[in-house]
Amino acid sequence: MHQCFRDRQAAGRALGAEVSRRLGPFSVPPLVLGLPRGGVPVAAEVARAVGGELDVLVVRKVGVPGDPELAMGAVGPGGIEVRNAELLQSLPAAAAAFGAAAAAEAAEVTRRERMFRGARPALRLAGRDVVLVDDGVATGATLRAAIRAARGLKAGSLTVAVPVATRATAAQLGREVDAFVCLATPAELHAVGEWYRDFRPVEDEAVCAVLGATESAAAARA
């Protein structure tokens, strides 16, 4: 029986402790970016553990028609697009549908950016230590889009922190960032939710509530 996290908050606390242990105290508080929606409650705990500033980076998986959990790619802000070349080569029908599916997800990225960011200023990553957080990684397409976005915004150092990722994906993503922190690396991962006892969907309102609570706490400390 594999390890199982109670919920995203518990996974975030364990992950935050590991990020602190691995990367030591940050000289300047890092920017911790949760990938909405499921990555945000995890990121909130990581930000609390490392004394970082919490924000969001909106990216969207482009799922295979009829099997939306299987990523044939991902899209992010500013027109960023990542394709799962190996999968698309093996599924010609998916490859033919990629353009329309990616366009629909790009529109959703824009909608969520407006909703989650609201009056928050645009992301400023230039020169900053950035920690990208999600609740788990299967194919890695979504995180690759996030990595590209963060690199495009000139992040100083870039760390990916996730509770669980397949061994192969962890190795691949680890070569694309300055540090990769992961609590569990199984050989296979059919669904991230298998590693959680409570993996109920995170709604838009919950993301906004987490971000709002973080802003209120920061204002109270100021």
N, C-alpha and C. Protein backbone atom coordinates (compact mmCIF):
# COMPACT_ATOMS: atom_id res chain seq x y z
N MET A 1 0.86 -1.19 0.00
CA MET A 1 0.00 0.00 0.00
C MET A 1 0.89 1.24 0.00
N HIS A 2 0.64 2.14 -0.94
CA HIS A 2 1.48 3.33 -1.01
C HIS A 2 1.11 4.35 0.07
N GLN A 3 2.03 5.27 0.27
CA GLN A 3 1.80 6.36 1.22
C GLN A 3 0.58 7.14 0.77
N CYS A 4 -0.16 7.69 1.72
CA CYS A 4 -1.34 8.47 1.36
C CYS A 4 -1.41 9.71 2.24
N PHE A 5 -1.63 10.85 1.62
CA PHE A 5 -1.78 12.10 2.37
C PHE A 5 -3.24 12.25 2.79
N ARG A 6 -3.44 12.81 3.98
CA ARG A 6 -4.82 12.97 4.45
C ARG A 6 -5.61 13.88 3.52
N ASP A 7 -5.04 15.04 3.20
CA ASP A 7 -5.67 15.99 2.29
C ASP A 7 -4.59 16.93 1.77
N ARG A 8 -4.97 17.92 0.98
CA ARG A 8 -3.98 18.82 0.38
C ARG A 8 -3.27 19.66 1.43
N GLN A 9 -3.98 20.04 2.49
CA GLN A 9 -3.34 20.84 3.53
C GLN A 9 -2.25 20.04 4.26
N ALA A 10 -2.55 18.79 4.58
CA ALA A 10 -1.56 17.95 5.24
C ALA A 10 -0.36 17.72 4.32
N ALA A 11 -0.63 17.49 3.04
CA ALA A 11 0.47 17.31 2.08
C ALA A 11 1.31 18.58 2.00
N GLY A 12 0.65 19.74 2.02
CA GLY A 12 1.37 21.02 1.96
C GLY A 12 2.25 21.25 3.17
N ARG A 13 1.78 20.86 4.34
CA ARG A 13 2.61 21.03 5.55
C ARG A 13 3.85 20.15 5.49
N ALA A 14 3.67 18.90 5.07
CA ALA A 14 4.83 18.01 4.94
C ALA A 14 5.78 18.51 3.86
N LEU A 15 5.22 19.00 2.75
CA LEU A 15 6.04 19.50 1.66
C LEU A 15 6.78 20.76 2.06
N GLY A 16 6.11 21.65 2.79
CA GLY A 16 6.74 22.88 3.25
C GLY A 16 7.93 22.59 4.16
N ALA A 17 7.78 21.59 5.03
CA ALA A 17 8.89 21.22 5.91
C ALA A 17 10.08 20.70 5.10
N GLU A 18 9.80 19.95 4.03
CA GLU A 18 10.87 19.40 3.21
C GLU A 18 11.55 20.50 2.38
N VAL A 19 10.76 21.45 1.88
CA VAL A 19 11.36 22.57 1.15
C VAL A 19 12.28 23.36 2.08
N SER A 20 11.83 23.61 3.30
CA SER A 20 12.66 24.33 4.27
C SER A 20 13.94 23.58 4.58
N ARG A 21 13.83 22.26 4.74
CA ARG A 21 15.01 21.44 5.05
C ARG A 21 15.99 21.42 3.89
N ARG A 22 15.47 21.27 2.67
CA ARG A 22 16.33 21.13 1.49
C ARG A 22 16.98 22.45 1.08
N LEU A 23 16.22 23.53 1.13
CA LEU A 23 16.72 24.79 0.59
C LEU A 23 17.18 25.77 1.66
N GLY A 24 16.98 25.40 2.93
CA GLY A 24 17.47 26.25 4.01
C GLY A 24 16.72 27.56 4.08
N PRO A 25 17.08 28.43 5.00
CA PRO A 25 16.38 29.72 5.08
C PRO A 25 16.68 30.57 3.84
N PHE A 26 15.63 31.15 3.26
CA PHE A 26 15.80 32.04 2.13
C PHE A 26 16.25 33.40 2.63
N SER A 27 17.25 33.99 1.96
CA SER A 27 17.72 35.33 2.37
C SER A 27 16.64 36.38 2.13
N VAL A 28 15.84 36.16 1.08
CA VAL A 28 14.69 37.02 0.78
C VAL A 28 13.47 36.11 0.65
N PRO A 29 12.33 36.48 1.25
CA PRO A 29 11.17 35.60 1.16
C PRO A 29 10.85 35.22 -0.29
N PRO A 30 10.69 33.93 -0.58
CA PRO A 30 10.42 33.51 -1.96
C PRO A 30 8.97 33.79 -2.35
N LEU A 31 8.72 33.73 -3.64
CA LEU A 31 7.37 33.83 -4.17
C LEU A 31 6.89 32.41 -4.43
N VAL A 32 5.86 32.00 -3.72
CA VAL A 32 5.33 30.64 -3.84
C VAL A 32 4.08 30.70 -4.71
N LEU A 33 4.14 30.05 -5.87
CA LEU A 33 3.05 30.11 -6.83
C LEU A 33 2.31 28.78 -6.88
N GLY A 34 1.04 28.80 -6.47
CA GLY A 34 0.21 27.61 -6.57
C GLY A 34 -0.42 27.51 -7.94
N LEU A 35 -0.53 26.30 -8.47
CA LEU A 35 -1.20 26.09 -9.74
C LEU A 35 -2.67 25.79 -9.45
N PRO A 36 -3.57 26.73 -9.80
CA PRO A 36 -4.99 26.52 -9.51
C PRO A 36 -5.53 25.33 -10.31
N ARG A 37 -6.45 24.58 -9.73
CA ARG A 37 -6.97 24.96 -8.44
C ARG A 37 -6.34 24.14 -7.31
N GLY A 38 -6.09 22.86 -7.59
CA GLY A 38 -5.65 21.96 -6.52
C GLY A 38 -4.33 22.30 -5.88
N GLY A 39 -3.46 23.00 -6.62
CA GLY A 39 -2.16 23.33 -6.06
C GLY A 39 -2.17 24.47 -5.07
N VAL A 40 -3.25 25.26 -5.04
CA VAL A 40 -3.26 26.45 -4.19
C VAL A 40 -3.29 26.14 -2.70
N PRO A 41 -4.18 25.24 -2.21
CA PRO A 41 -4.12 24.93 -0.78
C PRO A 41 -2.80 24.29 -0.36
N VAL A 42 -2.16 23.54 -1.26
CA VAL A 42 -0.84 22.98 -0.95
C VAL A 42 0.18 24.12 -0.85
N ALA A 43 0.13 25.04 -1.82
CA ALA A 43 1.07 26.16 -1.86
C ALA A 43 0.93 27.07 -0.66
N ALA A 44 -0.30 27.23 -0.16
CA ALA A 44 -0.52 28.08 1.01
C ALA A 44 0.26 27.57 2.21
N GLU A 45 0.27 26.25 2.38
CA GLU A 45 1.02 25.65 3.50
C GLU A 45 2.53 25.77 3.27
N VAL A 46 2.96 25.60 2.03
CA VAL A 46 4.39 25.74 1.73
C VAL A 46 4.84 27.18 1.99
N ALA A 47 4.04 28.15 1.55
CA ALA A 47 4.38 29.56 1.77
C ALA A 47 4.48 29.86 3.26
N ARG A 48 3.58 29.30 4.04
CA ARG A 48 3.60 29.52 5.49
C ARG A 48 4.87 28.94 6.10
N ALA A 49 5.27 27.77 5.62
CA ALA A 49 6.44 27.10 6.18
C ALA A 49 7.74 27.83 5.87
N VAL A 50 7.84 28.43 4.67
CA VAL A 50 9.10 29.07 4.26
C VAL A 50 9.07 30.59 4.41
N GLY A 51 7.95 31.11 4.92
CA GLY A 51 7.85 32.56 5.07
C GLY A 51 7.75 33.27 3.74
N GLY A 52 7.12 32.62 2.77
CA GLY A 52 7.05 33.17 1.42
C GLY A 52 5.76 33.92 1.14
N GLU A 53 5.74 34.57 0.01
CA GLU A 53 4.56 35.29 -0.47
C GLU A 53 3.78 34.36 -1.40
N LEU A 54 2.48 34.22 -1.16
CA LEU A 54 1.65 33.32 -1.95
C LEU A 54 0.99 34.04 -3.11
N ASP A 55 1.01 33.41 -4.27
CA ASP A 55 0.28 33.92 -5.42
C ASP A 55 -0.06 32.73 -6.30
N VAL A 56 -0.66 32.99 -7.46
CA VAL A 56 -1.06 31.90 -8.35
C VAL A 56 -0.46 32.10 -9.74
N LEU A 57 -0.23 30.98 -10.41
CA LEU A 57 0.18 30.98 -11.81
C LEU A 57 -0.81 30.07 -12.53
N VAL A 58 -1.62 30.65 -13.39
CA VAL A 58 -2.71 29.89 -14.01
C VAL A 58 -2.22 29.18 -15.26
N VAL A 59 -2.28 27.86 -15.24
CA VAL A 59 -2.00 27.03 -16.41
C VAL A 59 -3.12 25.99 -16.50
N ARG A 60 -3.34 25.47 -17.70
CA ARG A 60 -4.42 24.51 -17.89
C ARG A 60 -3.94 23.32 -18.70
N LYS A 61 -4.32 22.14 -18.22
CA LYS A 61 -4.05 20.91 -18.97
C LYS A 61 -4.95 20.86 -20.19
N VAL A 62 -4.43 20.38 -21.32
CA VAL A 62 -5.23 20.13 -22.52
C VAL A 62 -5.43 18.62 -22.58
N GLY A 63 -6.64 18.18 -22.22
CA GLY A 63 -6.90 16.75 -22.13
C GLY A 63 -7.27 16.12 -23.46
N VAL A 64 -7.04 14.82 -23.55
CA VAL A 64 -7.41 14.05 -24.73
C VAL A 64 -8.94 13.98 -24.80
N PRO A 65 -9.55 14.24 -25.96
CA PRO A 65 -11.00 14.13 -26.08
C PRO A 65 -11.49 12.75 -25.63
N GLY A 66 -12.45 12.75 -24.72
CA GLY A 66 -12.97 11.49 -24.20
C GLY A 66 -12.20 10.95 -23.00
N ASP A 67 -11.02 11.50 -22.73
CA ASP A 67 -10.21 11.09 -21.59
C ASP A 67 -9.49 12.34 -21.05
N PRO A 68 -10.25 13.27 -20.47
CA PRO A 68 -9.71 14.58 -20.10
C PRO A 68 -8.58 14.55 -19.07
N GLU A 69 -8.47 13.46 -18.30
CA GLU A 69 -7.39 13.38 -17.32
C GLU A 69 -6.04 13.09 -17.97
N LEU A 70 -6.06 12.58 -19.20
CA LEU A 70 -4.82 12.28 -19.92
C LEU A 70 -4.39 13.52 -20.68
N ALA A 71 -3.25 14.09 -20.30
CA ALA A 71 -2.81 15.36 -20.87
C ALA A 71 -2.09 15.17 -22.20
N MET A 72 -2.62 15.81 -23.24
CA MET A 72 -1.88 15.84 -24.51
C MET A 72 -1.09 17.14 -24.62
N GLY A 73 -1.17 17.97 -23.58
CA GLY A 73 -0.40 19.20 -23.53
C GLY A 73 -0.94 20.12 -22.46
N ALA A 74 -0.51 21.37 -22.50
CA ALA A 74 -0.97 22.36 -21.53
C ALA A 74 -0.75 23.75 -22.11
N VAL A 75 -1.50 24.71 -21.57
CA VAL A 75 -1.36 26.11 -21.99
C VAL A 75 -1.21 26.98 -20.75
N GLY A 76 -0.57 28.14 -20.95
CA GLY A 76 -0.37 29.06 -19.85
C GLY A 76 -0.53 30.50 -20.32
N PRO A 77 -0.28 31.46 -19.43
CA PRO A 77 -0.46 32.87 -19.78
C PRO A 77 0.51 33.30 -20.88
N GLY A 78 0.10 34.31 -21.63
CA GLY A 78 0.97 34.84 -22.67
C GLY A 78 1.11 33.94 -23.87
N GLY A 79 0.14 33.03 -24.10
CA GLY A 79 0.19 32.16 -25.27
C GLY A 79 1.13 30.98 -25.14
N ILE A 80 1.61 30.68 -23.94
CA ILE A 80 2.51 29.54 -23.75
C ILE A 80 1.77 28.24 -24.01
N GLU A 81 2.41 27.35 -24.76
CA GLU A 81 1.80 26.07 -25.15
C GLU A 81 2.84 24.96 -25.07
N VAL A 82 2.47 23.87 -24.44
CA VAL A 82 3.33 22.70 -24.34
C VAL A 82 2.58 21.51 -24.91
N ARG A 83 3.23 20.76 -25.79
CA ARG A 83 2.61 19.57 -26.39
C ARG A 83 3.32 18.30 -25.90
N ASN A 84 2.52 17.28 -25.63
CA ASN A 84 3.04 15.96 -25.29
C ASN A 84 3.29 15.22 -26.60
N ALA A 85 4.46 15.44 -27.19
CA ALA A 85 4.75 14.97 -28.54
C ALA A 85 4.59 13.46 -28.67
N GLU A 86 5.08 12.72 -27.68
CA GLU A 86 5.03 11.25 -27.76
C GLU A 86 3.58 10.76 -27.80
N LEU A 87 2.73 11.34 -26.94
CA LEU A 87 1.34 10.91 -26.90
C LEU A 87 0.62 11.32 -28.19
N LEU A 88 0.85 12.54 -28.66
CA LEU A 88 0.17 13.02 -29.87
C LEU A 88 0.56 12.18 -31.09
N GLN A 89 1.78 11.72 -31.11
CA GLN A 89 2.23 10.88 -32.22
C GLN A 89 1.49 9.54 -32.22
N SER A 90 1.18 9.05 -31.03
CA SER A 90 0.52 7.75 -30.93
C SER A 90 -1.00 7.84 -31.07
N LEU A 91 -1.54 9.07 -30.96
CA LEU A 91 -2.99 9.27 -31.06
C LEU A 91 -3.29 10.34 -32.11
N PRO A 92 -3.35 9.95 -33.38
CA PRO A 92 -3.60 10.92 -34.46
C PRO A 92 -4.88 11.73 -34.27
N ALA A 93 -5.93 11.09 -33.74
CA ALA A 93 -7.20 11.80 -33.55
C ALA A 93 -7.03 12.92 -32.52
N ALA A 94 -6.25 12.65 -31.48
CA ALA A 94 -5.99 13.67 -30.46
C ALA A 94 -5.18 14.81 -31.06
N ALA A 95 -4.20 14.46 -31.88
CA ALA A 95 -3.37 15.49 -32.51
C ALA A 95 -4.22 16.42 -33.37
N ALA A 96 -5.20 15.85 -34.07
CA ALA A 96 -6.06 16.66 -34.93
C ALA A 96 -6.94 17.59 -34.10
N ALA A 97 -7.26 17.17 -32.88
CA ALA A 97 -8.15 17.97 -32.03
C ALA A 97 -7.40 18.95 -31.14
N PHE A 98 -6.07 18.89 -31.18
CA PHE A 98 -5.29 19.68 -30.21
C PHE A 98 -5.55 21.18 -30.32
N GLY A 99 -5.55 21.71 -31.53
CA GLY A 99 -5.68 23.15 -31.71
C GLY A 99 -6.93 23.72 -31.07
N ALA A 100 -8.08 23.09 -31.35
CA ALA A 100 -9.34 23.58 -30.80
C ALA A 100 -9.38 23.41 -29.29
N ALA A 101 -8.89 22.28 -28.79
CA ALA A 101 -8.89 22.04 -27.35
C ALA A 101 -7.98 23.03 -26.64
N ALA A 102 -6.81 23.30 -27.23
CA ALA A 102 -5.87 24.25 -26.62
C ALA A 102 -6.46 25.66 -26.60
N ALA A 103 -7.17 26.04 -27.64
CA ALA A 103 -7.79 27.37 -27.70
C ALA A 103 -8.83 27.52 -26.60
N ALA A 104 -9.61 26.45 -26.37
CA ALA A 104 -10.63 26.50 -25.32
C ALA A 104 -9.99 26.64 -23.95
N GLU A 105 -8.91 25.91 -23.72
CA GLU A 105 -8.23 25.99 -22.42
C GLU A 105 -7.53 27.34 -22.25
N ALA A 106 -7.02 27.91 -23.34
CA ALA A 106 -6.40 29.24 -23.27
C ALA A 106 -7.41 30.29 -22.85
N ALA A 107 -8.64 30.16 -23.35
CA ALA A 107 -9.70 31.08 -22.94
C ALA A 107 -10.00 30.91 -21.45
N GLU A 108 -9.93 29.67 -20.97
CA GLU A 108 -10.16 29.42 -19.54
C GLU A 108 -9.03 30.00 -18.71
N VAL A 109 -7.79 29.96 -19.21
CA VAL A 109 -6.67 30.59 -18.50
C VAL A 109 -6.95 32.08 -18.31
N THR A 110 -7.41 32.73 -19.37
CA THR A 110 -7.72 34.17 -19.30
C THR A 110 -8.83 34.44 -18.28
N ARG A 111 -9.88 33.60 -18.30
CA ARG A 111 -10.99 33.79 -17.36
C ARG A 111 -10.52 33.64 -15.91
N ARG A 112 -9.72 32.60 -15.68
CA ARG A 112 -9.28 32.37 -14.30
C ARG A 112 -8.28 33.42 -13.84
N GLU A 113 -7.45 33.89 -14.75
CA GLU A 113 -6.53 34.98 -14.40
C GLU A 113 -7.32 36.17 -13.88
N ARG A 114 -8.36 36.54 -14.59
CA ARG A 114 -9.18 37.69 -14.17
C ARG A 114 -9.83 37.43 -12.82
N MET A 115 -10.35 36.22 -12.63
CA MET A 115 -11.07 35.91 -11.40
C MET A 115 -10.14 35.81 -10.20
N PHE A 116 -9.05 35.07 -10.34
CA PHE A 116 -8.17 34.84 -9.19
C PHE A 116 -7.32 36.07 -8.87
N ARG A 117 -6.88 36.77 -9.91
CA ARG A 117 -5.99 37.90 -9.66
C ARG A 117 -6.77 39.15 -9.28
N GLY A 118 -7.94 39.36 -9.88
CA GLY A 118 -8.74 40.52 -9.53
C GLY A 118 -7.91 41.79 -9.61
N ALA A 119 -7.85 42.49 -8.48
CA ALA A 119 -7.10 43.75 -8.43
C ALA A 119 -5.63 43.53 -8.09
N ARG A 120 -5.23 42.25 -7.92
CA ARG A 120 -3.83 41.98 -7.61
C ARG A 120 -2.95 42.42 -8.78
N PRO A 121 -1.77 42.97 -8.50
CA PRO A 121 -0.89 43.39 -9.60
C PRO A 121 -0.40 42.20 -10.41
N ALA A 122 0.05 42.48 -11.61
CA ALA A 122 0.59 41.42 -12.46
C ALA A 122 1.78 40.76 -11.77
N LEU A 123 1.99 39.49 -12.07
CA LEU A 123 3.12 38.77 -11.47
C LEU A 123 4.44 39.44 -11.85
N ARG A 124 5.28 39.63 -10.86
CA ARG A 124 6.63 40.16 -11.09
C ARG A 124 7.63 39.15 -10.53
N LEU A 125 8.19 38.36 -11.41
CA LEU A 125 9.08 37.28 -11.00
C LEU A 125 10.55 37.63 -11.18
N ALA A 126 10.85 38.69 -11.90
CA ALA A 126 12.23 39.00 -12.27
C ALA A 126 13.16 39.02 -11.07
N GLY A 127 14.17 38.13 -11.12
CA GLY A 127 15.19 38.10 -10.08
C GLY A 127 14.78 37.44 -8.78
N ARG A 128 13.54 36.97 -8.66
CA ARG A 128 13.06 36.42 -7.40
C ARG A 128 13.24 34.91 -7.33
N ASP A 129 13.37 34.40 -6.10
CA ASP A 129 13.33 32.96 -5.87
C ASP A 129 11.86 32.55 -5.97
N VAL A 130 11.56 31.64 -6.89
CA VAL A 130 10.18 31.23 -7.14
C VAL A 130 10.03 29.75 -6.86
N VAL A 131 8.96 29.39 -6.16
CA VAL A 131 8.63 27.99 -5.88
C VAL A 131 7.28 27.69 -6.53
N LEU A 132 7.26 26.80 -7.51
CA LEU A 132 6.02 26.37 -8.17
C LEU A 132 5.47 25.15 -7.44
N VAL A 133 4.19 25.20 -7.09
CA VAL A 133 3.60 24.12 -6.29
C VAL A 133 2.33 23.59 -6.95
N ASP A 134 2.22 22.27 -7.05
CA ASP A 134 0.98 21.63 -7.46
C ASP A 134 0.70 20.48 -6.49
N ASP A 135 -0.50 19.87 -6.60
CA ASP A 135 -0.84 18.81 -5.66
C ASP A 135 -0.33 17.45 -6.10
N GLY A 136 0.30 17.37 -7.27
CA GLY A 136 0.88 16.13 -7.76
C GLY A 136 1.13 16.23 -9.25
N VAL A 137 1.96 15.33 -9.77
CA VAL A 137 2.34 15.37 -11.18
C VAL A 137 2.25 13.97 -11.78
N ALA A 138 1.54 13.87 -12.89
CA ALA A 138 1.51 12.62 -13.64
C ALA A 138 2.37 12.76 -14.89
N THR A 139 1.85 13.39 -15.95
CA THR A 139 2.63 13.56 -17.18
C THR A 139 3.61 14.72 -17.10
N GLY A 140 3.29 15.73 -16.29
CA GLY A 140 4.17 16.89 -16.16
C GLY A 140 3.88 18.00 -17.15
N ALA A 141 2.88 17.83 -18.03
CA ALA A 141 2.61 18.84 -19.05
C ALA A 141 2.24 20.18 -18.44
N THR A 142 1.39 20.16 -17.42
CA THR A 142 0.95 21.42 -16.81
C THR A 142 2.11 22.14 -16.15
N LEU A 143 2.94 21.41 -15.44
CA LEU A 143 4.08 22.04 -14.78
C LEU A 143 5.10 22.55 -15.79
N ARG A 144 5.24 21.87 -16.92
CA ARG A 144 6.16 22.37 -17.94
C ARG A 144 5.70 23.72 -18.46
N ALA A 145 4.38 23.88 -18.62
CA ALA A 145 3.85 25.18 -19.05
C ALA A 145 4.14 26.24 -17.98
N ALA A 146 3.99 25.85 -16.71
CA ALA A 146 4.27 26.79 -15.63
C ALA A 146 5.76 27.16 -15.58
N ILE A 147 6.62 26.17 -15.81
CA ILE A 147 8.06 26.44 -15.83
C ILE A 147 8.41 27.40 -16.94
N ARG A 148 7.83 27.17 -18.13
CA ARG A 148 8.10 28.08 -19.26
C ARG A 148 7.63 29.49 -18.94
N ALA A 149 6.46 29.59 -18.32
CA ALA A 149 5.93 30.91 -17.97
C ALA A 149 6.85 31.61 -16.98
N ALA A 150 7.30 30.88 -15.96
CA ALA A 150 8.17 31.48 -14.94
C ALA A 150 9.52 31.88 -15.53
N ARG A 151 10.07 31.05 -16.41
CA ARG A 151 11.33 31.40 -17.07
C ARG A 151 11.15 32.63 -17.96
N GLY A 152 9.99 32.69 -18.65
CA GLY A 152 9.73 33.84 -19.51
C GLY A 152 9.61 35.12 -18.73
N LEU A 153 9.18 35.02 -17.47
CA LEU A 153 9.06 36.19 -16.61
C LEU A 153 10.34 36.45 -15.82
N LYS A 154 11.43 35.77 -16.20
CA LYS A 154 12.77 36.03 -15.67
C LYS A 154 12.93 35.72 -14.19
N ALA A 155 12.30 34.62 -13.74
CA ALA A 155 12.50 34.20 -12.35
C ALA A 155 13.98 34.03 -12.06
N GLY A 156 14.41 34.40 -10.86
CA GLY A 156 15.82 34.27 -10.49
C GLY A 156 16.20 32.81 -10.34
N SER A 157 15.68 32.15 -9.31
CA SER A 157 15.84 30.71 -9.16
C SER A 157 14.46 30.09 -9.21
N LEU A 158 14.40 28.85 -9.67
CA LEU A 158 13.10 28.21 -9.86
C LEU A 158 13.10 26.82 -9.24
N THR A 159 12.21 26.62 -8.28
CA THR A 159 12.04 25.34 -7.60
C THR A 159 10.64 24.81 -7.88
N VAL A 160 10.53 23.53 -8.16
CA VAL A 160 9.24 22.87 -8.23
C VAL A 160 9.09 22.03 -6.97
N ALA A 161 7.94 22.16 -6.30
CA ALA A 161 7.68 21.40 -5.08
C ALA A 161 6.31 20.73 -5.20
N VAL A 162 6.28 19.41 -5.12
CA VAL A 162 5.03 18.66 -5.23
C VAL A 162 5.05 17.49 -4.25
N PRO A 163 3.89 17.09 -3.75
CA PRO A 163 3.87 15.94 -2.84
C PRO A 163 4.22 14.63 -3.53
N VAL A 164 3.77 14.44 -4.79
CA VAL A 164 3.99 13.17 -5.46
C VAL A 164 4.17 13.39 -6.96
N ALA A 165 5.09 12.62 -7.55
CA ALA A 165 5.32 12.66 -9.00
C ALA A 165 5.91 11.32 -9.40
N THR A 166 5.62 10.88 -10.62
CA THR A 166 6.23 9.64 -11.08
C THR A 166 7.74 9.82 -11.14
N ARG A 167 8.44 8.72 -10.98
CA ARG A 167 9.90 8.76 -10.95
C ARG A 167 10.46 9.37 -12.24
N ALA A 168 9.90 8.96 -13.38
CA ALA A 168 10.41 9.45 -14.66
C ALA A 168 10.13 10.94 -14.83
N THR A 169 8.93 11.37 -14.47
CA THR A 169 8.59 12.79 -14.62
C THR A 169 9.42 13.64 -13.67
N ALA A 170 9.64 13.14 -12.45
CA ALA A 170 10.47 13.88 -11.50
C ALA A 170 11.88 14.09 -12.06
N ALA A 171 12.42 13.05 -12.69
CA ALA A 171 13.77 13.16 -13.26
C ALA A 171 13.78 14.16 -14.41
N GLN A 172 12.76 14.11 -15.26
CA GLN A 172 12.69 15.02 -16.40
C GLN A 172 12.53 16.47 -15.96
N LEU A 173 11.59 16.72 -15.06
CA LEU A 173 11.36 18.08 -14.61
C LEU A 173 12.54 18.60 -13.78
N GLY A 174 13.19 17.69 -13.06
CA GLY A 174 14.34 18.09 -12.26
C GLY A 174 15.45 18.70 -13.08
N ARG A 175 15.54 18.30 -14.35
CA ARG A 175 16.57 18.86 -15.23
C ARG A 175 16.19 20.24 -15.76
N GLU A 176 14.93 20.64 -15.58
CA GLU A 176 14.46 21.91 -16.13
C GLU A 176 14.42 23.03 -15.09
N VAL A 177 14.68 22.70 -13.82
CA VAL A 177 14.60 23.71 -12.76
C VAL A 177 15.85 23.65 -11.88
N ASP A 178 15.97 24.60 -10.99
CA ASP A 178 17.14 24.65 -10.11
C ASP A 178 17.03 23.63 -8.98
N ALA A 179 15.81 23.36 -8.54
CA ALA A 179 15.60 22.36 -7.49
C ALA A 179 14.23 21.72 -7.67
N PHE A 180 14.16 20.42 -7.39
CA PHE A 180 12.90 19.69 -7.48
C PHE A 180 12.69 18.98 -6.16
N VAL A 181 11.65 19.37 -5.43
CA VAL A 181 11.38 18.79 -4.11
C VAL A 181 10.10 17.97 -4.20
N CYS A 182 10.19 16.70 -3.85
CA CYS A 182 9.04 15.80 -3.97
C CYS A 182 9.09 14.80 -2.82
N LEU A 183 7.94 14.51 -2.23
CA LEU A 183 7.89 13.60 -1.08
C LEU A 183 7.80 12.13 -1.49
N ALA A 184 7.22 11.85 -2.64
CA ALA A 184 7.05 10.46 -3.07
C ALA A 184 7.20 10.37 -4.58
N THR A 185 7.97 9.38 -5.05
CA THR A 185 8.19 9.21 -6.49
C THR A 185 7.93 7.76 -6.89
N PRO A 186 6.66 7.38 -7.02
CA PRO A 186 6.34 6.01 -7.43
C PRO A 186 6.73 5.78 -8.89
N ALA A 187 6.90 4.52 -9.25
CA ALA A 187 7.23 4.19 -10.63
C ALA A 187 6.08 4.52 -11.56
N GLU A 188 4.85 4.32 -11.08
CA GLU A 188 3.66 4.62 -11.87
C GLU A 188 2.68 5.43 -11.04
N LEU A 189 1.93 6.27 -11.73
CA LEU A 189 0.92 7.09 -11.06
C LEU A 189 -0.26 7.23 -12.02
N HIS A 190 -1.30 6.47 -11.76
CA HIS A 190 -2.45 6.48 -12.66
C HIS A 190 -3.29 7.74 -12.46
N ALA A 191 -3.38 8.19 -11.20
CA ALA A 191 -4.12 9.41 -10.89
C ALA A 191 -3.57 9.99 -9.60
N VAL A 192 -3.37 11.30 -9.57
CA VAL A 192 -2.84 11.95 -8.37
C VAL A 192 -3.73 11.68 -7.17
N GLY A 193 -5.04 11.63 -7.39
CA GLY A 193 -5.97 11.43 -6.29
C GLY A 193 -5.78 10.12 -5.54
N GLU A 194 -5.10 9.15 -6.15
CA GLU A 194 -4.82 7.88 -5.47
C GLU A 194 -3.96 8.08 -4.22
N TRP A 195 -3.25 9.19 -4.19
CA TRP A 195 -2.33 9.45 -3.08
C TRP A 195 -2.93 10.30 -1.98
N TYR A 196 -4.23 10.55 -2.06
CA TYR A 196 -4.92 11.35 -1.05
C TYR A 196 -6.15 10.61 -0.54
N ARG A 197 -6.36 10.67 0.77
CA ARG A 197 -7.60 10.11 1.31
C ARG A 197 -8.77 11.05 1.01
N ASP A 198 -8.50 12.36 1.04
CA ASP A 198 -9.52 13.36 0.70
C ASP A 198 -8.99 14.17 -0.48
N PHE A 199 -9.57 13.94 -1.66
CA PHE A 199 -9.12 14.64 -2.86
C PHE A 199 -10.33 15.28 -3.56
N ARG A 200 -11.22 15.83 -2.73
CA ARG A 200 -12.40 16.47 -3.32
C ARG A 200 -11.96 17.66 -4.18
N PRO A 201 -12.73 18.00 -5.22
CA PRO A 201 -12.36 19.11 -6.10
C PRO A 201 -12.24 20.42 -5.33
N VAL A 202 -11.29 21.24 -5.74
CA VAL A 202 -11.13 22.58 -5.17
C VAL A 202 -11.88 23.55 -6.08
N GLU A 203 -12.85 24.25 -5.53
CA GLU A 203 -13.66 25.16 -6.34
C GLU A 203 -12.99 26.53 -6.46
N ASP A 204 -13.43 27.30 -7.45
CA ASP A 204 -12.89 28.65 -7.65
C ASP A 204 -13.00 29.49 -6.38
N GLU A 205 -14.15 29.36 -5.70
CA GLU A 205 -14.38 30.16 -4.49
C GLU A 205 -13.36 29.82 -3.40
N ALA A 206 -12.96 28.54 -3.33
CA ALA A 206 -11.98 28.13 -2.33
C ALA A 206 -10.62 28.74 -2.63
N VAL A 207 -10.25 28.81 -3.91
CA VAL A 207 -8.98 29.44 -4.29
C VAL A 207 -8.99 30.90 -3.90
N CYS A 208 -10.07 31.59 -4.23
CA CYS A 208 -10.17 33.02 -3.89
C CYS A 208 -10.12 33.22 -2.37
N ALA A 209 -10.74 32.30 -1.61
CA ALA A 209 -10.74 32.41 -0.16
C ALA A 209 -9.33 32.25 0.41
N VAL A 210 -8.56 31.29 -0.12
CA VAL A 210 -7.18 31.08 0.34
C VAL A 210 -6.33 32.32 0.06
N LEU A 211 -6.46 32.85 -1.15
CA LEU A 211 -5.68 34.04 -1.51
C LEU A 211 -6.10 35.23 -0.67
N GLY A 212 -7.40 35.38 -0.44
CA GLY A 212 -7.89 36.49 0.37
C GLY A 212 -7.41 36.41 1.81
N ALA A 213 -7.41 35.20 2.37
CA ALA A 213 -6.95 35.02 3.75
C ALA A 213 -5.48 35.34 3.87
N THR A 214 -4.71 34.96 2.86
CA THR A 214 -3.26 35.24 2.88
C THR A 214 -3.01 36.74 2.81
N GLU A 215 -3.77 37.44 1.96
CA GLU A 215 -3.62 38.89 1.84
C GLU A 215 -3.98 39.58 3.15
N SER A 216 -5.05 39.11 3.79
CA SER A 216 -5.49 39.71 5.06
C SER A 216 -4.43 39.51 6.15
N ALA A 217 -3.83 38.31 6.19
CA ALA A 217 -2.79 38.03 7.18
C ALA A 217 -1.57 38.90 6.94
N ALA A 218 -1.20 39.09 5.65
CA ALA A 218 -0.04 39.93 5.33
C ALA A 218 -0.30 41.38 5.71
N ALA A 219 -1.54 41.86 5.47
CA ALA A 219 -1.87 43.23 5.82
C ALA A 219 -1.83 43.43 7.33
N ALA A 220 -2.27 42.41 8.08
CA ALA A 220 -2.27 42.52 9.54
C ALA A 220 -0.84 42.59 10.09
N ARG A 221 0.11 41.91 9.41
CA ARG A 221 1.50 41.94 9.88
C ARG A 221 2.20 43.24 9.53
N ALA A 222 1.71 43.91 8.47
CA ALA A 222 2.38 45.13 7.98
C ALA A 222 2.25 46.28 8.97
